[in-house]
Amino acid sequence: MPAKRYVPWVATAFVLCYMLRSPATAGRTVETAAGGLASAAGALATFVDELAS
């Protein structure tokens, strides 16, 4: 299906437009996402630690 080829390009264009129009908001979004990933990694480490002991 040809539309599948265009989806990544459209998504990339949307992200670039978002970043260029509002860099501060984009930065906060990335910071929030990174904090969530760090929290998830910490919870996973705690879970594995508890399994090992």
PDB file of N, CA and C in Angstrom:
ATOM      1  N   MET A   1       0.847  -1.188   0.000  1.00  0.00           N
ATOM      2  CA  MET A   1       0.000   0.000   0.000  1.00  0.00           C
ATOM      3  C   MET A   1       0.888   1.246   0.000  1.00  0.00           C
ATOM      4  N   PRO A   2       0.694   2.169  -0.928  1.00  0.00           N
ATOM      5  CA  PRO A   2       1.572   3.330  -1.035  1.00  0.00           C
ATOM      6  C   PRO A   2       1.476   4.293   0.149  1.00  0.00           C
ATOM      7  N   ALA A   3       0.350   4.323   0.838  1.00  0.00           N
ATOM      8  CA  ALA A   3       0.205   5.258   1.957  1.00  0.00           C
ATOM      9  C   ALA A   3       1.184   4.943   3.080  1.00  0.00           C
ATOM     10  N   LYS A   4       1.556   3.689   3.239  1.00  0.00           N
ATOM     11  CA  LYS A   4       2.500   3.307   4.291  1.00  0.00           C
ATOM     12  C   LYS A   4       3.863   3.951   4.085  1.00  0.00           C
ATOM     13  N   ARG A   5       4.194   4.220   2.853  1.00  0.00           N
ATOM     14  CA  ARG A   5       5.482   4.860   2.580  1.00  0.00           C
ATOM     15  C   ARG A   5       5.500   6.306   3.048  1.00  0.00           C
ATOM     16  N   TYR A   6       4.360   6.953   3.086  1.00  0.00           N
ATOM     17  CA  TYR A   6       4.304   8.382   3.398  1.00  0.00           C
ATOM     18  C   TYR A   6       4.105   8.671   4.882  1.00  0.00           C
ATOM     19  N   VAL A   7       3.651   7.703   5.643  1.00  0.00           N
ATOM     20  CA  VAL A   7       3.364   7.936   7.060  1.00  0.00           C
ATOM     21  C   VAL A   7       4.600   8.400   7.822  1.00  0.00           C
ATOM     22  N   PRO A   8       5.764   7.749   7.677  1.00  0.00           N
ATOM     23  CA  PRO A   8       6.942   8.255   8.403  1.00  0.00           C
ATOM     24  C   PRO A   8       7.334   9.683   8.023  1.00  0.00           C
ATOM     25  N   TRP A   9       7.181  10.022   6.751  1.00  0.00           N
ATOM     26  CA  TRP A   9       7.509  11.380   6.311  1.00  0.00           C
ATOM     27  C   TRP A   9       6.552  12.405   6.904  1.00  0.00           C
ATOM     28  N   VAL A  10       5.285  12.073   6.943  1.00  0.00           N
ATOM     29  CA  VAL A  10       4.289  12.981   7.514  1.00  0.00           C
ATOM     30  C   VAL A  10       4.529  13.140   9.006  1.00  0.00           C
ATOM     31  N   ALA A  11       4.820  12.050   9.696  1.00  0.00           N
ATOM     32  CA  ALA A  11       5.094  12.119  11.135  1.00  0.00           C
ATOM     33  C   ALA A  11       6.332  12.963  11.411  1.00  0.00           C
ATOM     34  N   THR A  12       7.371  12.787  10.609  1.00  0.00           N
ATOM     35  CA  THR A  12       8.592  13.572  10.781  1.00  0.00           C
ATOM     36  C   THR A  12       8.322  15.055  10.534  1.00  0.00           C
ATOM     37  N   ALA A  13       7.562  15.357   9.510  1.00  0.00           N
ATOM     38  CA  ALA A  13       7.224  16.752   9.218  1.00  0.00           C
ATOM     39  C   ALA A  13       6.416  17.366  10.359  1.00  0.00           C
ATOM     40  N   PHE A  14       5.496  16.595  10.932  1.00  0.00           N
ATOM     41  CA  PHE A  14       4.701  17.091  12.053  1.00  0.00           C
ATOM     42  C   PHE A  14       5.585  17.399  13.256  1.00  0.00           C
ATOM     43  N   VAL A  15       6.501  16.495  13.571  1.00  0.00           N
ATOM     44  CA  VAL A  15       7.391  16.707  14.720  1.00  0.00           C
ATOM     45  C   VAL A  15       8.284  17.925  14.482  1.00  0.00           C
ATOM     46  N   LEU A  16       8.842  18.044  13.292  1.00  0.00           N
ATOM     47  CA  LEU A  16       9.691  19.203  12.998  1.00  0.00           C
ATOM     48  C   LEU A  16       8.914  20.508  13.086  1.00  0.00           C
ATOM     49  N   CYS A  17       7.699  20.521  12.569  1.00  0.00           N
ATOM     50  CA  CYS A  17       6.857  21.710  12.644  1.00  0.00           C
ATOM     51  C   CYS A  17       6.572  22.069  14.100  1.00  0.00           C
ATOM     52  N   TYR A  18       6.269  21.064  14.900  1.00  0.00           N
ATOM     53  CA  TYR A  18       5.990  21.273  16.325  1.00  0.00           C
ATOM     54  C   TYR A  18       7.209  21.852  17.029  1.00  0.00           C
ATOM     55  N   MET A  19       8.384  21.297  16.716  1.00  0.00           N
ATOM     56  CA  MET A  19       9.604  21.765  17.370  1.00  0.00           C
ATOM     57  C   MET A  19       9.962  23.189  16.946  1.00  0.00           C
ATOM     58  N   LEU A  20       9.743  23.525  15.689  1.00  0.00           N
ATOM     59  CA  LEU A  20      10.101  24.854  15.208  1.00  0.00           C
ATOM     60  C   LEU A  20       9.127  25.925  15.684  1.00  0.00           C
ATOM     61  N   ARG A  21       7.866  25.559  15.818  1.00  0.00           N
ATOM     62  CA  ARG A  21       6.869  26.541  16.239  1.00  0.00           C
ATOM     63  C   ARG A  21       6.899  26.803  17.738  1.00  0.00           C
ATOM     64  N   SER A  22       7.239  25.772  18.512  1.00  0.00           N
ATOM     65  CA  SER A  22       7.223  25.917  19.961  1.00  0.00           C
ATOM     66  C   SER A  22       8.354  25.108  20.593  1.00  0.00           C
ATOM     67  N   PRO A  23       9.573  25.611  20.499  1.00  0.00           N
ATOM     68  CA  PRO A  23      10.707  24.832  21.015  1.00  0.00           C
ATOM     69  C   PRO A  23      10.672  24.627  22.526  1.00  0.00           C
ATOM     70  N   ALA A  24      10.154  25.592  23.271  1.00  0.00           N
ATOM     71  CA  ALA A  24      10.104  25.433  24.726  1.00  0.00           C
ATOM     72  C   ALA A  24       9.138  24.316  25.110  1.00  0.00           C
ATOM     73  N   THR A  25       7.999  24.279  24.477  1.00  0.00           N
ATOM     74  CA  THR A  25       7.022  23.227  24.753  1.00  0.00           C
ATOM     75  C   THR A  25       7.567  21.877  24.316  1.00  0.00           C
ATOM     76  N   ALA A  26       8.234  21.832  23.178  1.00  0.00           N
ATOM     77  CA  ALA A  26       8.828  20.585  22.709  1.00  0.00           C
ATOM     78  C   ALA A  26       9.890  20.097  23.691  1.00  0.00           C
ATOM     79  N   GLY A  27      10.662  21.017  24.222  1.00  0.00           N
ATOM     80  CA  GLY A  27      11.680  20.662  25.219  1.00  0.00           C
ATOM     81  C   GLY A  27      11.065  20.097  26.478  1.00  0.00           C
ATOM     82  N   ARG A  28       9.976  20.717  26.938  1.00  0.00           N
ATOM     83  CA  ARG A  28       9.299  20.204  28.135  1.00  0.00           C
ATOM     84  C   ARG A  28       8.711  18.823  27.875  1.00  0.00           C
ATOM     85  N   THR A  29       8.199  18.613  26.674  1.00  0.00           N
ATOM     86  CA  THR A  29       7.642  17.309  26.320  1.00  0.00           C
ATOM     87  C   THR A  29       8.720  16.239  26.350  1.00  0.00           C
ATOM     88  N   VAL A  30       9.868  16.542  25.791  1.00  0.00           N
ATOM     89  CA  VAL A  30      10.982  15.592  25.795  1.00  0.00           C
ATOM     90  C   VAL A  30      11.452  15.344  27.230  1.00  0.00           C
ATOM     91  N   GLU A  31      11.528  16.398  28.032  1.00  0.00           N
ATOM     92  CA  GLU A  31      11.955  16.253  29.422  1.00  0.00           C
ATOM     93  C   GLU A  31      10.975  15.378  30.213  1.00  0.00           C
ATOM     94  N   THR A  32       9.689  15.580  29.989  1.00  0.00           N
ATOM     95  CA  THR A  32       8.678  14.777  30.664  1.00  0.00           C
ATOM     96  C   THR A  32       8.769  13.316  30.229  1.00  0.00           C
ATOM     97  N   ALA A  33       8.940  13.088  28.942  1.00  0.00           N
ATOM     98  CA  ALA A  33       9.063  11.717  28.439  1.00  0.00           C
ATOM     99  C   ALA A  33      10.313  11.038  29.004  1.00  0.00           C
ATOM    100  N   ALA A  34      11.419  11.763  29.060  1.00  0.00           N
ATOM    101  CA  ALA A  34      12.651  11.195  29.604  1.00  0.00           C
ATOM    102  C   ALA A  34      12.486  10.884  31.090  1.00  0.00           C
ATOM    103  N   GLY A  35      11.796  11.746  31.818  1.00  0.00           N
ATOM    104  CA  GLY A  35      11.539  11.487  33.235  1.00  0.00           C
ATOM    105  C   GLY A  35      10.675  10.251  33.428  1.00  0.00           C
ATOM    106  N   GLY A  36       9.688  10.077  32.569  1.00  0.00           N
ATOM    107  CA  GLY A  36       8.842   8.893  32.639  1.00  0.00           C
ATOM    108  C   GLY A  36       9.627   7.621  32.353  1.00  0.00           C
ATOM    109  N   LEU A  37      10.504   7.678  31.357  1.00  0.00           N
ATOM    110  CA  LEU A  37      11.340   6.514  31.046  1.00  0.00           C
ATOM    111  C   LEU A  37      12.294   6.195  32.188  1.00  0.00           C
ATOM    112  N   ALA A  38      12.853   7.217  32.804  1.00  0.00           N
ATOM    113  CA  ALA A  38      13.749   7.005  33.938  1.00  0.00           C
ATOM    114  C   ALA A  38      12.991   6.386  35.112  1.00  0.00           C
ATOM    115  N   SER A  39      11.792   6.847  35.339  1.00  0.00           N
ATOM    116  CA  SER A  39      10.968   6.290  36.410  1.00  0.00           C
ATOM    117  C   SER A  39      10.623   4.830  36.138  1.00  0.00           C
ATOM    118  N   ALA A  40      10.282   4.523  34.901  1.00  0.00           N
ATOM    119  CA  ALA A  40       9.967   3.140  34.528  1.00  0.00           C
ATOM    120  C   ALA A  40      11.198   2.249  34.680  1.00  0.00           C
ATOM    121  N   ALA A  41      12.347   2.751  34.293  1.00  0.00           N
ATOM    122  CA  ALA A  41      13.582   1.977  34.426  1.00  0.00           C
ATOM    123  C   ALA A  41      13.898   1.726  35.900  1.00  0.00           C
ATOM    124  N   GLY A  42      13.677   2.718  36.739  1.00  0.00           N
ATOM    125  CA  GLY A  42      13.899   2.539  38.169  1.00  0.00           C
ATOM    126  C   GLY A  42      12.958   1.509  38.767  1.00  0.00           C
ATOM    127  N   ALA A  43      11.702   1.546  38.357  1.00  0.00           N
ATOM    128  CA  ALA A  43      10.735   0.570  38.850  1.00  0.00           C
ATOM    129  C   ALA A  43      11.101  -0.828  38.385  1.00  0.00           C
ATOM    130  N   LEU A  44      11.544  -0.960  37.145  1.00  0.00           N
ATOM    131  CA  LEU A  44      11.960  -2.266  36.634  1.00  0.00           C
ATOM    132  C   LEU A  44      13.181  -2.781  37.388  1.00  0.00           C
ATOM    133  N   ALA A  45      14.128  -1.907  37.673  1.00  0.00           N
ATOM    134  CA  ALA A  45      15.316  -2.305  38.427  1.00  0.00           C
ATOM    135  C   ALA A  45      14.938  -2.767  39.824  1.00  0.00           C
ATOM    136  N   THR A  46      14.009  -2.075  40.458  1.00  0.00           N
ATOM    137  CA  THR A  46      13.549  -2.482  41.777  1.00  0.00           C
ATOM    138  C   THR A  46      12.869  -3.845  41.720  1.00  0.00           C
ATOM    139  N   PHE A  47      12.045  -4.044  40.701  1.00  0.00           N
ATOM    140  CA  PHE A  47      11.346  -5.321  40.528  1.00  0.00           C
ATOM    141  C   PHE A  47      12.341  -6.472  40.358  1.00  0.00           C
ATOM    142  N   VAL A  48      13.322  -6.280  39.476  1.00  0.00           N
ATOM    143  CA  VAL A  48      14.329  -7.331  39.244  1.00  0.00           C
ATOM    144  C   VAL A  48      15.156  -7.565  40.490  1.00  0.00           C
ATOM    145  N   ASP A  49      15.466  -6.512  41.218  1.00  0.00           N
ATOM    146  CA  ASP A  49      16.216  -6.636  42.476  1.00  0.00           C
ATOM    147  C   ASP A  49      15.433  -7.489  43.471  1.00  0.00           C
ATOM    148  N   GLU A  50      14.139  -7.250  43.573  1.00  0.00           N
ATOM    149  CA  GLU A  50      13.312  -8.012  44.502  1.00  0.00           C
ATOM    150  C   GLU A  50      13.204  -9.479  44.069  1.00  0.00           C
ATOM    151  N   LEU A  51      13.184  -9.730  42.782  1.00  0.00           N
ATOM    152  CA  LEU A  51      13.143 -11.114  42.305  1.00  0.00           C
ATOM    153  C   LEU A  51      14.429 -11.860  42.642  1.00  0.00           C
ATOM    154  N   ALA A  52      15.545 -11.152  42.552  1.00  0.00           N
ATOM    155  CA  ALA A  52      16.845 -11.776  42.783  1.00  0.00           C
ATOM    156  C   ALA A  52      17.099 -12.068  44.269  1.00  0.00           C
ATOM    157  N   SER A  53      16.428 -11.360  45.155  1.00  0.00           N
ATOM    158  CA  SER A  53      16.709 -11.568  46.575  1.00  0.00           C
ATOM    159  C   SER A  53      15.690 -12.455  47.248  1.00  0.00           C
TER     160      SER A  53
END
